[in-house]
Amino acid sequence: MNETPDLESGADRAVAALHKIDEKVNAMRNQRLNDPDSFGDKIFKFVVPSLAGLVFGKMFEMVWRKSVGRKATLPDGTTDARKDTTLGIAFAVISAALGALVSQLSDRGSKAIVNHRHAKRR
């Protein structure tokens, strides 16, 4: 009762699987070739929002420390733990919200600049 595998259907399945892979590879190649963004455009769209978020974050931290950050320090030089904790949480929340806003706006701006360049090129 030895059953021999049906080689034709096995070969057909293998060829069909290879055709599926070939179609996916061709689709990915076409997507890459038809992408209007150059390498420089992609770098620009990555670097501008990152740098804007970093610069804004550092500026906000500097301003916070010079103004609000001093409020937890008592006249004798020690810090009020409750005030320090509250101000730390407030800093984290405000910094994250403003950082996300700046990153989103600069991301949109960098995409708009690249899209404008593409429109001028046509």
PDB file of N, CA and C in Angstrom:
ATOM      1  N   MET A   1       0.810  -1.186   0.000  1.00  0.00           N
ATOM      2  CA  MET A   1       0.000   0.000   0.000  1.00  0.00           C
ATOM      3  C   MET A   1       0.856   1.253   0.000  1.00  0.00           C
ATOM      4  N   ASN A   2       1.885   1.248  -0.742  1.00  0.00           N
ATOM      5  CA  ASN A   2       2.720   2.422  -0.904  1.00  0.00           C
ATOM      6  C   ASN A   2       2.064   3.371  -1.881  1.00  0.00           C
ATOM      7  N   GLU A   3       1.758   4.547  -1.390  1.00  0.00           N
ATOM      8  CA  GLU A   3       1.190   5.547  -2.287  1.00  0.00           C
ATOM      9  C   GLU A   3       2.311   6.466  -2.736  1.00  0.00           C
ATOM     10  N   THR A   4       2.410   6.629  -4.009  1.00  0.00           N
ATOM     11  CA  THR A   4       3.411   7.558  -4.517  1.00  0.00           C
ATOM     12  C   THR A   4       2.788   8.938  -4.575  1.00  0.00           C
ATOM     13  N   PRO A   5       3.538   9.944  -4.129  1.00  0.00           N
ATOM     14  CA  PRO A   5       2.970  11.294  -4.168  1.00  0.00           C
ATOM     15  C   PRO A   5       2.754  11.737  -5.600  1.00  0.00           C
ATOM     16  N   ASP A   6       1.734  12.530  -5.754  1.00  0.00           N
ATOM     17  CA  ASP A   6       1.413  13.057  -7.082  1.00  0.00           C
ATOM     18  C   ASP A   6       2.413  14.172  -7.383  1.00  0.00           C
ATOM     19  N   LEU A   7       3.408  13.844  -8.186  1.00  0.00           N
ATOM     20  CA  LEU A   7       4.477  14.793  -8.481  1.00  0.00           C
ATOM     21  C   LEU A   7       3.976  15.988  -9.278  1.00  0.00           C
ATOM     22  N   GLU A   8       3.011  15.746 -10.133  1.00  0.00           N
ATOM     23  CA  GLU A   8       2.519  16.844 -10.957  1.00  0.00           C
ATOM     24  C   GLU A   8       1.858  17.915 -10.099  1.00  0.00           C
ATOM     25  N   SER A   9       1.023  17.525  -9.158  1.00  0.00           N
ATOM     26  CA  SER A   9       0.364  18.533  -8.322  1.00  0.00           C
ATOM     27  C   SER A   9       1.375  19.192  -7.381  1.00  0.00           C
ATOM     28  N   GLY A  10       2.354  18.425  -6.885  1.00  0.00           N
ATOM     29  CA  GLY A  10       3.396  19.004  -6.045  1.00  0.00           C
ATOM     30  C   GLY A  10       4.237  19.994  -6.827  1.00  0.00           C
ATOM     31  N   ALA A  11       4.591  19.649  -8.051  1.00  0.00           N
ATOM     32  CA  ALA A  11       5.368  20.557  -8.894  1.00  0.00           C
ATOM     33  C   ALA A  11       4.546  21.786  -9.250  1.00  0.00           C
ATOM     34  N   ASP A  12       3.269  21.575  -9.533  1.00  0.00           N
ATOM     35  CA  ASP A  12       2.393  22.709  -9.848  1.00  0.00           C
ATOM     36  C   ASP A  12       2.286  23.671  -8.664  1.00  0.00           C
ATOM     37  N   ARG A  13       2.190  23.092  -7.470  1.00  0.00           N
ATOM     38  CA  ARG A  13       2.102  23.953  -6.273  1.00  0.00           C
ATOM     39  C   ARG A  13       3.394  24.738  -6.091  1.00  0.00           C
ATOM     40  N   ALA A  14       4.514  24.087  -6.307  1.00  0.00           N
ATOM     41  CA  ALA A  14       5.804  24.765  -6.159  1.00  0.00           C
ATOM     42  C   ALA A  14       5.945  25.889  -7.179  1.00  0.00           C
ATOM     43  N   VAL A  15       5.556  25.616  -8.418  1.00  0.00           N
ATOM     44  CA  VAL A  15       5.632  26.649  -9.457  1.00  0.00           C
ATOM     45  C   VAL A  15       4.683  27.795  -9.131  1.00  0.00           C
ATOM     46  N   ALA A  16       3.495  27.481  -8.639  1.00  0.00           N
ATOM     47  CA  ALA A  16       2.532  28.526  -8.277  1.00  0.00           C
ATOM     48  C   ALA A  16       3.078  29.378  -7.129  1.00  0.00           C
ATOM     49  N   ALA A  17       3.723  28.739  -6.153  1.00  0.00           N
ATOM     50  CA  ALA A  17       4.306  29.488  -5.032  1.00  0.00           C
ATOM     51  C   ALA A  17       5.427  30.390  -5.522  1.00  0.00           C
ATOM     52  N   LEU A  18       6.251  29.896  -6.446  1.00  0.00           N
ATOM     53  CA  LEU A  18       7.329  30.719  -7.000  1.00  0.00           C
ATOM     54  C   LEU A  18       6.781  31.886  -7.814  1.00  0.00           C
ATOM     55  N   HIS A  19       5.676  31.665  -8.522  1.00  0.00           N
ATOM     56  CA  HIS A  19       5.047  32.760  -9.268  1.00  0.00           C
ATOM     57  C   HIS A  19       4.510  33.823  -8.325  1.00  0.00           C
ATOM     58  N   LYS A  20       3.949  33.391  -7.187  1.00  0.00           N
ATOM     59  CA  LYS A  20       3.450  34.350  -6.194  1.00  0.00           C
ATOM     60  C   LYS A  20       4.588  35.210  -5.659  1.00  0.00           C
ATOM     61  N   ILE A  21       5.717  34.566  -5.361  1.00  0.00           N
ATOM     62  CA  ILE A  21       6.884  35.297  -4.860  1.00  0.00           C
ATOM     63  C   ILE A  21       7.390  36.257  -5.926  1.00  0.00           C
ATOM     64  N   ASP A  22       7.428  35.796  -7.157  1.00  0.00           N
ATOM     65  CA  ASP A  22       7.884  36.642  -8.262  1.00  0.00           C
ATOM     66  C   ASP A  22       6.988  37.865  -8.426  1.00  0.00           C
ATOM     67  N   GLU A  23       5.683  37.674  -8.298  1.00  0.00           N
ATOM     68  CA  GLU A  23       4.743  38.804  -8.402  1.00  0.00           C
ATOM     69  C   GLU A  23       4.978  39.820  -7.287  1.00  0.00           C
ATOM     70  N   LYS A  24       5.216  39.327  -6.058  1.00  0.00           N
ATOM     71  CA  LYS A  24       5.468  40.242  -4.937  1.00  0.00           C
ATOM     72  C   LYS A  24       6.762  41.019  -5.148  1.00  0.00           C
ATOM     73  N   VAL A  25       7.801  40.325  -5.616  1.00  0.00           N
ATOM     74  CA  VAL A  25       9.081  40.992  -5.870  1.00  0.00           C
ATOM     75  C   VAL A  25       8.919  42.051  -6.950  1.00  0.00           C
ATOM     76  N   ASN A  26       8.196  41.728  -8.010  1.00  0.00           N
ATOM     77  CA  ASN A  26       7.961  42.703  -9.081  1.00  0.00           C
ATOM     78  C   ASN A  26       7.167  43.899  -8.573  1.00  0.00           C
ATOM     79  N   ALA A  27       6.168  43.651  -7.726  1.00  0.00           N
ATOM     80  CA  ALA A  27       5.376  44.754  -7.170  1.00  0.00           C
ATOM     81  C   ALA A  27       6.247  45.654  -6.295  1.00  0.00           C
ATOM     82  N   MET A  28       7.112  45.055  -5.475  1.00  0.00           N
ATOM     83  CA  MET A  28       7.998  45.851  -4.621  1.00  0.00           C
ATOM     84  C   MET A  28       8.995  46.638  -5.459  1.00  0.00           C
ATOM     85  N   ARG A  29       9.510  46.058  -6.538  1.00  0.00           N
ATOM     86  CA  ARG A  29      10.442  46.754  -7.422  1.00  0.00           C
ATOM     87  C   ARG A  29       9.745  47.935  -8.087  1.00  0.00           C
ATOM     88  N   ASN A  30       8.533  47.716  -8.576  1.00  0.00           N
ATOM     89  CA  ASN A  30       7.789  48.810  -9.214  1.00  0.00           C
ATOM     90  C   ASN A  30       7.500  49.931  -8.225  1.00  0.00           C
ATOM     91  N   GLN A  31       7.170  49.561  -6.997  1.00  0.00           N
ATOM     92  CA  GLN A  31       6.905  50.578  -5.972  1.00  0.00           C
ATOM     93  C   GLN A  31       8.161  51.404  -5.710  1.00  0.00           C
ATOM     94  N   ARG A  32       9.306  50.742  -5.633  1.00  0.00           N
ATOM     95  CA  ARG A  32      10.570  51.445  -5.388  1.00  0.00           C
ATOM     96  C   ARG A  32      10.937  52.337  -6.573  1.00  0.00           C
ATOM     97  N   LEU A  33      10.751  51.838  -7.787  1.00  0.00           N
ATOM     98  CA  LEU A  33      11.110  52.618  -8.974  1.00  0.00           C
ATOM     99  C   LEU A  33      10.166  53.795  -9.202  1.00  0.00           C
ATOM    100  N   ASN A  34       8.916  53.653  -8.803  1.00  0.00           N
ATOM    101  CA  ASN A  34       7.935  54.716  -9.014  1.00  0.00           C
ATOM    102  C   ASN A  34       7.855  55.694  -7.843  1.00  0.00           C
ATOM    103  N   ASP A  35       8.663  55.486  -6.804  1.00  0.00           N
ATOM    104  CA  ASP A  35       8.676  56.385  -5.659  1.00  0.00           C
ATOM    105  C   ASP A  35       9.341  57.699  -6.074  1.00  0.00           C
ATOM    106  N   PRO A  36       8.632  58.825  -5.955  1.00  0.00           N
ATOM    107  CA  PRO A  36       9.210  60.099  -6.409  1.00  0.00           C
ATOM    108  C   PRO A  36      10.278  60.652  -5.465  1.00  0.00           C
ATOM    109  N   ASP A  37      10.342  60.160  -4.232  1.00  0.00           N
ATOM    110  CA  ASP A  37      11.308  60.687  -3.270  1.00  0.00           C
ATOM    111  C   ASP A  37      12.694  60.113  -3.526  1.00  0.00           C
ATOM    112  N   SER A  38      13.664  60.994  -3.616  1.00  0.00           N
ATOM    113  CA  SER A  38      15.055  60.559  -3.737  1.00  0.00           C
ATOM    114  C   SER A  38      15.578  60.226  -2.341  1.00  0.00           C
ATOM    115  N   PHE A  39      16.793  59.725  -2.276  1.00  0.00           N
ATOM    116  CA  PHE A  39      17.411  59.422  -0.984  1.00  0.00           C
ATOM    117  C   PHE A  39      17.541  60.697  -0.150  1.00  0.00           C
ATOM    118  N   GLY A  40      17.911  61.791  -0.798  1.00  0.00           N
ATOM    119  CA  GLY A  40      18.033  63.069  -0.097  1.00  0.00           C
ATOM    120  C   GLY A  40      16.699  63.544   0.470  1.00  0.00           C
ATOM    121  N   ASP A  41      15.615  63.329  -0.292  1.00  0.00           N
ATOM    122  CA  ASP A  41      14.281  63.703   0.195  1.00  0.00           C
ATOM    123  C   ASP A  41      13.918  62.909   1.441  1.00  0.00           C
ATOM    124  N   LYS A  42      14.221  61.625   1.417  1.00  0.00           N
ATOM    125  CA  LYS A  42      13.896  60.771   2.565  1.00  0.00           C
ATOM    126  C   LYS A  42      14.705  61.171   3.792  1.00  0.00           C
ATOM    127  N   ILE A  43      15.980  61.473   3.579  1.00  0.00           N
ATOM    128  CA  ILE A  43      16.822  61.924   4.696  1.00  0.00           C
ATOM    129  C   ILE A  43      16.292  63.247   5.241  1.00  0.00           C
ATOM    130  N   PHE A  44      15.944  64.177   4.352  1.00  0.00           N
ATOM    131  CA  PHE A  44      15.422  65.483   4.757  1.00  0.00           C
ATOM    132  C   PHE A  44      14.154  65.315   5.594  1.00  0.00           C
ATOM    133  N   LYS A  45      13.248  64.438   5.138  1.00  0.00           N
ATOM    134  CA  LYS A  45      11.989  64.243   5.853  1.00  0.00           C
ATOM    135  C   LYS A  45      12.184  63.538   7.188  1.00  0.00           C
ATOM    136  N   PHE A  46      13.321  62.890   7.374  1.00  0.00           N
ATOM    137  CA  PHE A  46      13.615  62.251   8.655  1.00  0.00           C
ATOM    138  C   PHE A  46      14.357  63.206   9.593  1.00  0.00           C
ATOM    139  N   VAL A  47      15.329  63.929   9.058  1.00  0.00           N
ATOM    140  CA  VAL A  47      16.216  64.738   9.889  1.00  0.00           C
ATOM    141  C   VAL A  47      15.537  66.008  10.401  1.00  0.00           C
ATOM    142  N   VAL A  48      14.777  66.681   9.571  1.00  0.00           N
ATOM    143  CA  VAL A  48      14.181  67.968   9.978  1.00  0.00           C
ATOM    144  C   VAL A  48      13.267  67.824  11.202  1.00  0.00           C
ATOM    145  N   PRO A  49      12.301  66.894  11.205  1.00  0.00           N
ATOM    146  CA  PRO A  49      11.476  66.769  12.416  1.00  0.00           C
ATOM    147  C   PRO A  49      12.276  66.326  13.644  1.00  0.00           C
ATOM    148  N   SER A  50      13.259  65.459  13.435  1.00  0.00           N
ATOM    149  CA  SER A  50      14.075  64.998  14.561  1.00  0.00           C
ATOM    150  C   SER A  50      14.850  66.152  15.183  1.00  0.00           C
ATOM    151  N   LEU A  51      15.502  66.941  14.341  1.00  0.00           N
ATOM    152  CA  LEU A  51      16.278  68.075  14.852  1.00  0.00           C
ATOM    153  C   LEU A  51      15.378  69.139  15.476  1.00  0.00           C
ATOM    154  N   ALA A  52      14.231  69.383  14.849  1.00  0.00           N
ATOM    155  CA  ALA A  52      13.315  70.383  15.398  1.00  0.00           C
ATOM    156  C   ALA A  52      12.830  69.958  16.786  1.00  0.00           C
ATOM    157  N   GLY A  53      12.493  68.684  16.940  1.00  0.00           N
ATOM    158  CA  GLY A  53      12.060  68.189  18.245  1.00  0.00           C
ATOM    159  C   GLY A  53      13.164  68.267  19.279  1.00  0.00           C
ATOM    160  N   LEU A  54      14.382  67.932  18.877  1.00  0.00           N
ATOM    161  CA  LEU A  54      15.519  67.976  19.787  1.00  0.00           C
ATOM    162  C   LEU A  54      15.825  69.410  20.223  1.00  0.00           C
ATOM    163  N   VAL A  55      15.893  70.318  19.273  1.00  0.00           N
ATOM    164  CA  VAL A  55      16.208  71.720  19.581  1.00  0.00           C
ATOM    165  C   VAL A  55      15.119  72.327  20.457  1.00  0.00           C
ATOM    166  N   PHE A  56      13.853  72.082  20.102  1.00  0.00           N
ATOM    167  CA  PHE A  56      12.769  72.627  20.912  1.00  0.00           C
ATOM    168  C   PHE A  56      12.794  72.045  22.323  1.00  0.00           C
ATOM    169  N   GLY A  57      13.054  70.754  22.430  1.00  0.00           N
ATOM    170  CA  GLY A  57      13.101  70.113  23.747  1.00  0.00           C
ATOM    171  C   GLY A  57      14.173  70.713  24.632  1.00  0.00           C
ATOM    172  N   LYS A  58      15.347  70.944  24.069  1.00  0.00           N
ATOM    173  CA  LYS A  58      16.429  71.535  24.853  1.00  0.00           C
ATOM    174  C   LYS A  58      16.122  72.983  25.238  1.00  0.00           C
ATOM    175  N   MET A  59      15.530  73.732  24.308  1.00  0.00           N
ATOM    176  CA  MET A  59      15.162  75.121  24.620  1.00  0.00           C
ATOM    177  C   MET A  59      14.109  75.154  25.727  1.00  0.00           C
ATOM    178  N   PHE A  60      13.113  74.275  25.630  1.00  0.00           N
ATOM    179  CA  PHE A  60      12.061  74.240  26.637  1.00  0.00           C
ATOM    180  C   PHE A  60      12.644  73.866  27.998  1.00  0.00           C
ATOM    181  N   GLU A  61      13.557  72.901  28.020  1.00  0.00           N
ATOM    182  CA  GLU A  61      14.190  72.495  29.276  1.00  0.00           C
ATOM    183  C   GLU A  61      14.971  73.652  29.892  1.00  0.00           C
ATOM    184  N   MET A  62      15.696  74.394  29.062  1.00  0.00           N
ATOM    185  CA  MET A  62      16.478  75.519  29.549  1.00  0.00           C
ATOM    186  C   MET A  62      15.565  76.604  30.151  1.00  0.00           C
ATOM    187  N   VAL A  63      14.495  76.923  29.446  1.00  0.00           N
ATOM    188  CA  VAL A  63      13.552  77.928  29.933  1.00  0.00           C
ATOM    189  C   VAL A  63      12.884  77.448  31.224  1.00  0.00           C
ATOM    190  N   TRP A  64      12.512  76.184  31.277  1.00  0.00           N
ATOM    191  CA  TRP A  64      11.846  75.627  32.456  1.00  0.00           C
ATOM    192  C   TRP A  64      12.767  75.728  33.676  1.00  0.00           C
ATOM    193  N   ARG A  65      14.013  75.340  33.493  1.00  0.00           N
ATOM    194  CA  ARG A  65      14.949  75.358  34.630  1.00  0.00           C
ATOM    195  C   ARG A  65      15.209  76.779  35.130  1.00  0.00           C
ATOM    196  N   LYS A  66      15.234  77.746  34.220  1.00  0.00           N
ATOM    197  CA  LYS A  66      15.492  79.127  34.636  1.00  0.00           C
ATOM    198  C   LYS A  66      14.280  79.777  35.290  1.00  0.00           C
ATOM    199  N   SER A  67      13.075  79.310  34.946  1.00  0.00           N
ATOM    200  CA  SER A  67      11.890  79.952  35.510  1.00  0.00           C
ATOM    201  C   SER A  67      11.211  79.065  36.549  1.00  0.00           C
ATOM    202  N   VAL A  68      10.527  78.049  36.132  1.00  0.00           N
ATOM    203  CA  VAL A  68       9.703  77.235  37.021  1.00  0.00           C
ATOM    204  C   VAL A  68      10.545  76.270  37.846  1.00  0.00           C
ATOM    205  N   GLY A  69      11.629  75.784  37.313  1.00  0.00           N
ATOM    206  CA  GLY A  69      12.438  74.786  37.995  1.00  0.00           C
ATOM    207  C   GLY A  69      13.018  75.229  39.321  1.00  0.00           C
ATOM    208  N   ARG A  70      13.122  76.511  39.519  1.00  0.00           N
ATOM    209  CA  ARG A  70      13.687  77.044  40.770  1.00  0.00           C
ATOM    210  C   ARG A  70      12.668  77.078  41.902  1.00  0.00           C
ATOM    211  N   LYS A  71      11.406  76.897  41.612  1.00  0.00           N
ATOM    212  CA  LYS A  71      10.361  77.068  42.629  1.00  0.00           C
ATOM    213  C   LYS A  71      10.375  75.970  43.690  1.00  0.00           C
ATOM    214  N   ALA A  72      11.012  74.833  43.410  1.00  0.00           N
ATOM    215  CA  ALA A  72      11.059  73.756  44.399  1.00  0.00           C
ATOM    216  C   ALA A  72      12.190  73.960  45.402  1.00  0.00           C
ATOM    217  N   THR A  73      13.062  74.923  45.157  1.00  0.00           N
ATOM    218  CA  THR A  73      14.193  75.161  46.055  1.00  0.00           C
ATOM    219  C   THR A  73      13.765  76.107  47.175  1.00  0.00           C
ATOM    220  N   LEU A  74      14.007  75.680  48.392  1.00  0.00           N
ATOM    221  CA  LEU A  74      13.668  76.491  49.569  1.00  0.00           C
ATOM    222  C   LEU A  74      14.786  77.510  49.822  1.00  0.00           C
ATOM    223  N   PRO A  75      14.495  78.550  50.604  1.00  0.00           N
ATOM    224  CA  PRO A  75      15.513  79.587  50.866  1.00  0.00           C
ATOM    225  C   PRO A  75      16.811  79.051  51.479  1.00  0.00           C
ATOM    226  N   ASP A  76      16.741  77.950  52.212  1.00  0.00           N
ATOM    227  CA  ASP A  76      17.957  77.421  52.835  1.00  0.00           C
ATOM    228  C   ASP A  76      18.772  76.528  51.886  1.00  0.00           C
ATOM    229  N   GLY A  77      18.342  76.395  50.638  1.00  0.00           N
ATOM    230  CA  GLY A  77      19.092  75.637  49.643  1.00  0.00           C
ATOM    231  C   GLY A  77      18.608  74.211  49.438  1.00  0.00           C
ATOM    232  N   THR A  78      17.737  73.727  50.299  1.00  0.00           N
ATOM    233  CA  THR A  78      17.203  72.376  50.133  1.00  0.00           C
ATOM    234  C   THR A  78      16.007  72.422  49.188  1.00  0.00           C
ATOM    235  N   THR A  79      15.536  71.256  48.796  1.00  0.00           N
ATOM    236  CA  THR A  79      14.382  71.217  47.894  1.00  0.00           C
ATOM    237  C   THR A  79      13.182  70.620  48.599  1.00  0.00           C
ATOM    238  N   ASP A  80      12.021  71.134  48.256  1.00  0.00           N
ATOM    239  CA  ASP A  80      10.758  70.603  48.756  1.00  0.00           C
ATOM    240  C   ASP A  80      10.406  69.396  47.882  1.00  0.00           C
ATOM    241  N   ALA A  81      10.402  68.218  48.477  1.00  0.00           N
ATOM    242  CA  ALA A  81      10.219  66.969  47.714  1.00  0.00           C
ATOM    243  C   ALA A  81       8.871  66.940  46.995  1.00  0.00           C
ATOM    244  N   ARG A  82       7.807  67.375  47.666  1.00  0.00           N
ATOM    245  CA  ARG A  82       6.484  67.352  47.037  1.00  0.00           C
ATOM    246  C   ARG A  82       6.416  68.296  45.845  1.00  0.00           C
ATOM    247  N   LYS A  83       6.926  69.502  46.035  1.00  0.00           N
ATOM    248  CA  LYS A  83       6.923  70.479  44.939  1.00  0.00           C
ATOM    249  C   LYS A  83       7.803  69.997  43.791  1.00  0.00           C
ATOM    250  N   ASP A  84       8.954  69.420  44.135  1.00  0.00           N
ATOM    251  CA  ASP A  84       9.874  68.930  43.117  1.00  0.00           C
ATOM    252  C   ASP A  84       9.232  67.815  42.293  1.00  0.00           C
ATOM    253  N   THR A  85       8.527  66.923  42.947  1.00  0.00           N
ATOM    254  CA  THR A  85       7.846  65.833  42.247  1.00  0.00           C
ATOM    255  C   THR A  85       6.729  66.371  41.357  1.00  0.00           C
ATOM    256  N   THR A  86       5.944  67.276  41.889  1.00  0.00           N
ATOM    257  CA  THR A  86       4.844  67.863  41.111  1.00  0.00           C
ATOM    258  C   THR A  86       5.381  68.611  39.891  1.00  0.00           C
ATOM    259  N   LEU A  87       6.413  69.402  40.101  1.00  0.00           N
ATOM    260  CA  LEU A  87       6.996  70.141  38.985  1.00  0.00           C
ATOM    261  C   LEU A  87       7.645  69.199  37.967  1.00  0.00           C
ATOM    262  N   GLY A  88       8.217  68.106  38.438  1.00  0.00           N
ATOM    263  CA  GLY A  88       8.799  67.119  37.525  1.00  0.00           C
ATOM    264  C   GLY A  88       7.751  66.477  36.643  1.00  0.00           C
ATOM    265  N   ILE A  89       6.621  66.135  37.240  1.00  0.00           N
ATOM    266  CA  ILE A  89       5.518  65.547  36.462  1.00  0.00           C
ATOM    267  C   ILE A  89       4.962  66.574  35.483  1.00  0.00           C
ATOM    268  N   ALA A  90       4.777  67.805  35.939  1.00  0.00           N
ATOM    269  CA  ALA A  90       4.274  68.859  35.052  1.00  0.00           C
ATOM    270  C   ALA A  90       5.237  69.086  33.887  1.00  0.00           C
ATOM    271  N   PHE A  91       6.538  69.088  34.169  1.00  0.00           N
ATOM    272  CA  PHE A  91       7.527  69.260  33.101  1.00  0.00           C
ATOM    273  C   PHE A  91       7.420  68.131  32.082  1.00  0.00           C
ATOM    274  N   ALA A  92       7.321  66.895  32.562  1.00  0.00           N
ATOM    275  CA  ALA A  92       7.248  65.747  31.652  1.00  0.00           C
ATOM    276  C   ALA A  92       6.018  65.826  30.748  1.00  0.00           C
ATOM    277  N   VAL A  93       4.884  66.166  31.328  1.00  0.00           N
ATOM    278  CA  VAL A  93       3.642  66.231  30.549  1.00  0.00           C
ATOM    279  C   VAL A  93       3.702  67.364  29.520  1.00  0.00           C
ATOM    280  N   ILE A  94       4.083  68.542  29.961  1.00  0.00           N
ATOM    281  CA  ILE A  94       4.125  69.700  29.052  1.00  0.00           C
ATOM    282  C   ILE A  94       5.187  69.500  27.979  1.00  0.00           C
ATOM    283  N   SER A  95       6.342  68.985  28.371  1.00  0.00           N
ATOM    284  CA  SER A  95       7.423  68.758  27.415  1.00  0.00           C
ATOM    285  C   SER A  95       7.021  67.734  26.362  1.00  0.00           C
ATOM    286  N   ALA A  96       6.378  66.659  26.786  1.00  0.00           N
ATOM    287  CA  ALA A  96       5.949  65.632  25.829  1.00  0.00           C
ATOM    288  C   ALA A  96       4.892  66.176  24.873  1.00  0.00           C
ATOM    289  N   ALA A  97       3.937  66.920  25.395  1.00  0.00           N
ATOM    290  CA  ALA A  97       2.872  67.464  24.549  1.00  0.00           C
ATOM    291  C   ALA A  97       3.433  68.461  23.535  1.00  0.00           C
ATOM    292  N   LEU A  98       4.247  69.380  24.003  1.00  0.00           N
ATOM    293  CA  LEU A  98       4.809  70.381  23.091  1.00  0.00           C
ATOM    294  C   LEU A  98       5.809  69.750  22.125  1.00  0.00           C
ATOM    295  N   GLY A  99       6.576  68.779  22.597  1.00  0.00           N
ATOM    296  CA  GLY A  99       7.521  68.082  21.721  1.00  0.00           C
ATOM    297  C   GLY A  99       6.808  67.338  20.605  1.00  0.00           C
ATOM    298  N   ALA A 100       5.705  66.672  20.939  1.00  0.00           N
ATOM    299  CA  ALA A 100       4.925  65.966  19.914  1.00  0.00           C
ATOM    300  C   ALA A 100       4.334  66.954  18.915  1.00  0.00           C
ATOM    301  N   LEU A 101       3.853  68.084  19.411  1.00  0.00           N
ATOM    302  CA  LEU A 101       3.288  69.104  18.529  1.00  0.00           C
ATOM    303  C   LEU A 101       4.343  69.646  17.571  1.00  0.00           C
ATOM    304  N   VAL A 102       5.512  69.977  18.093  1.00  0.00           N
ATOM    305  CA  VAL A 102       6.589  70.506  17.247  1.00  0.00           C
ATOM    306  C   VAL A 102       7.032  69.457  16.230  1.00  0.00           C
ATOM    307  N   SER A 103       7.164  68.213  16.656  1.00  0.00           N
ATOM    308  CA  SER A 103       7.585  67.156  15.730  1.00  0.00           C
ATOM    309  C   SER A 103       6.561  66.947  14.626  1.00  0.00           C
ATOM    310  N   GLN A 104       5.285  66.955  14.980  1.00  0.00           N
ATOM    311  CA  GLN A 104       4.233  66.776  13.973  1.00  0.00           C
ATOM    312  C   GLN A 104       4.219  67.932  12.975  1.00  0.00           C
ATOM    313  N   LEU A 105       4.319  69.144  13.493  1.00  0.00           N
ATOM    314  CA  LEU A 105       4.300  70.309  12.601  1.00  0.00           C
ATOM    315  C   LEU A 105       5.529  70.342  11.696  1.00  0.00           C
ATOM    316  N   SER A 106       6.689  70.018  12.241  1.00  0.00           N
ATOM    317  CA  SER A 106       7.885  70.021  11.404  1.00  0.00           C
ATOM    318  C   SER A 106       7.867  68.850  10.417  1.00  0.00           C
ATOM    319  N   ASP A 107       7.243  67.735  10.785  1.00  0.00           N
ATOM    320  CA  ASP A 107       7.091  66.611   9.857  1.00  0.00           C
ATOM    321  C   ASP A 107       6.210  67.021   8.680  1.00  0.00           C
ATOM    322  N   ARG A 108       5.101  67.669   8.989  1.00  0.00           N
ATOM    323  CA  ARG A 108       4.224  68.150   7.911  1.00  0.00           C
ATOM    324  C   ARG A 108       4.933  69.185   7.042  1.00  0.00           C
ATOM    325  N   GLY A 109       5.687  70.054   7.684  1.00  0.00           N
ATOM    326  CA  GLY A 109       6.413  71.079   6.943  1.00  0.00           C
ATOM    327  C   GLY A 109       7.469  70.492   6.020  1.00  0.00           C
ATOM    328  N   SER A 110       8.221  69.505   6.508  1.00  0.00           N
ATOM    329  CA  SER A 110       9.248  68.901   5.660  1.00  0.00           C
ATOM    330  C   SER A 110       8.620  68.144   4.493  1.00  0.00           C
ATOM    331  N   LYS A 111       7.497  67.483   4.734  1.00  0.00           N
ATOM    332  CA  LYS A 111       6.796  66.790   3.634  1.00  0.00           C
ATOM    333  C   LYS A 111       6.265  67.797   2.621  1.00  0.00           C
ATOM    334  N   ALA A 112       5.775  68.940   3.095  1.00  0.00           N
ATOM    335  CA  ALA A 112       5.266  69.969   2.192  1.00  0.00           C
ATOM    336  C   ALA A 112       6.394  70.550   1.344  1.00  0.00           C
ATOM    337  N   ILE A 113       7.557  70.732   1.953  1.00  0.00           N
ATOM    338  CA  ILE A 113       8.703  71.260   1.197  1.00  0.00           C
ATOM    339  C   ILE A 113       9.110  70.275   0.110  1.00  0.00           C
ATOM    340  N   VAL A 114       9.180  68.996   0.440  1.00  0.00           N
ATOM    341  CA  VAL A 114       9.558  67.987  -0.551  1.00  0.00           C
ATOM    342  C   VAL A 114       8.504  67.905  -1.653  1.00  0.00           C
ATOM    343  N   ASN A 115       7.228  67.923  -1.281  1.00  0.00           N
ATOM    344  CA  ASN A 115       6.155  67.888  -2.286  1.00  0.00           C
ATOM    345  C   ASN A 115       6.199  69.116  -3.185  1.00  0.00           C
ATOM    346  N   HIS A 116       6.526  70.273  -2.625  1.00  0.00           N
ATOM    347  CA  HIS A 116       6.647  71.493  -3.423  1.00  0.00           C
ATOM    348  C   HIS A 116       7.792  71.380  -4.407  1.00  0.00           C
ATOM    349  N   ARG A 117       8.917  70.803  -3.961  1.00  0.00           N
ATOM    350  CA  ARG A 117      10.049  70.576  -4.873  1.00  0.00           C
ATOM    351  C   ARG A 117       9.651  69.656  -6.021  1.00  0.00           C
ATOM    352  N   HIS A 118       8.883  68.605  -5.700  1.00  0.00           N
ATOM    353  CA  HIS A 118       8.451  67.673  -6.740  1.00  0.00           C
ATOM    354  C   HIS A 118       7.510  68.361  -7.735  1.00  0.00           C
ATOM    355  N   ALA A 119       6.647  69.225  -7.217  1.00  0.00           N
ATOM    356  CA  ALA A 119       5.700  69.923  -8.081  1.00  0.00           C
ATOM    357  C   ALA A 119       6.434  70.895  -9.015  1.00  0.00           C
ATOM    358  N   LYS A 120       7.480  71.554  -8.512  1.00  0.00           N
ATOM    359  CA  LYS A 120       8.256  72.483  -9.341  1.00  0.00           C
ATOM    360  C   LYS A 120       9.041  71.741 -10.419  1.00  0.00           C
ATOM    361  N   ARG A 121       9.460  70.515 -10.114  1.00  0.00           N
ATOM    362  CA  ARG A 121      10.261  69.733 -11.040  1.00  0.00           C
ATOM    363  C   ARG A 121       9.449  69.264 -12.252  1.00  0.00           C
ATOM    364  N   ARG A 122       8.167  69.111 -12.096  1.00  0.00           N
ATOM    365  CA  ARG A 122       7.316  68.602 -13.195  1.00  0.00           C
ATOM    366  C   ARG A 122       7.088  69.597 -14.248  1.00  0.00           C
TER     367      ARG A 122
END
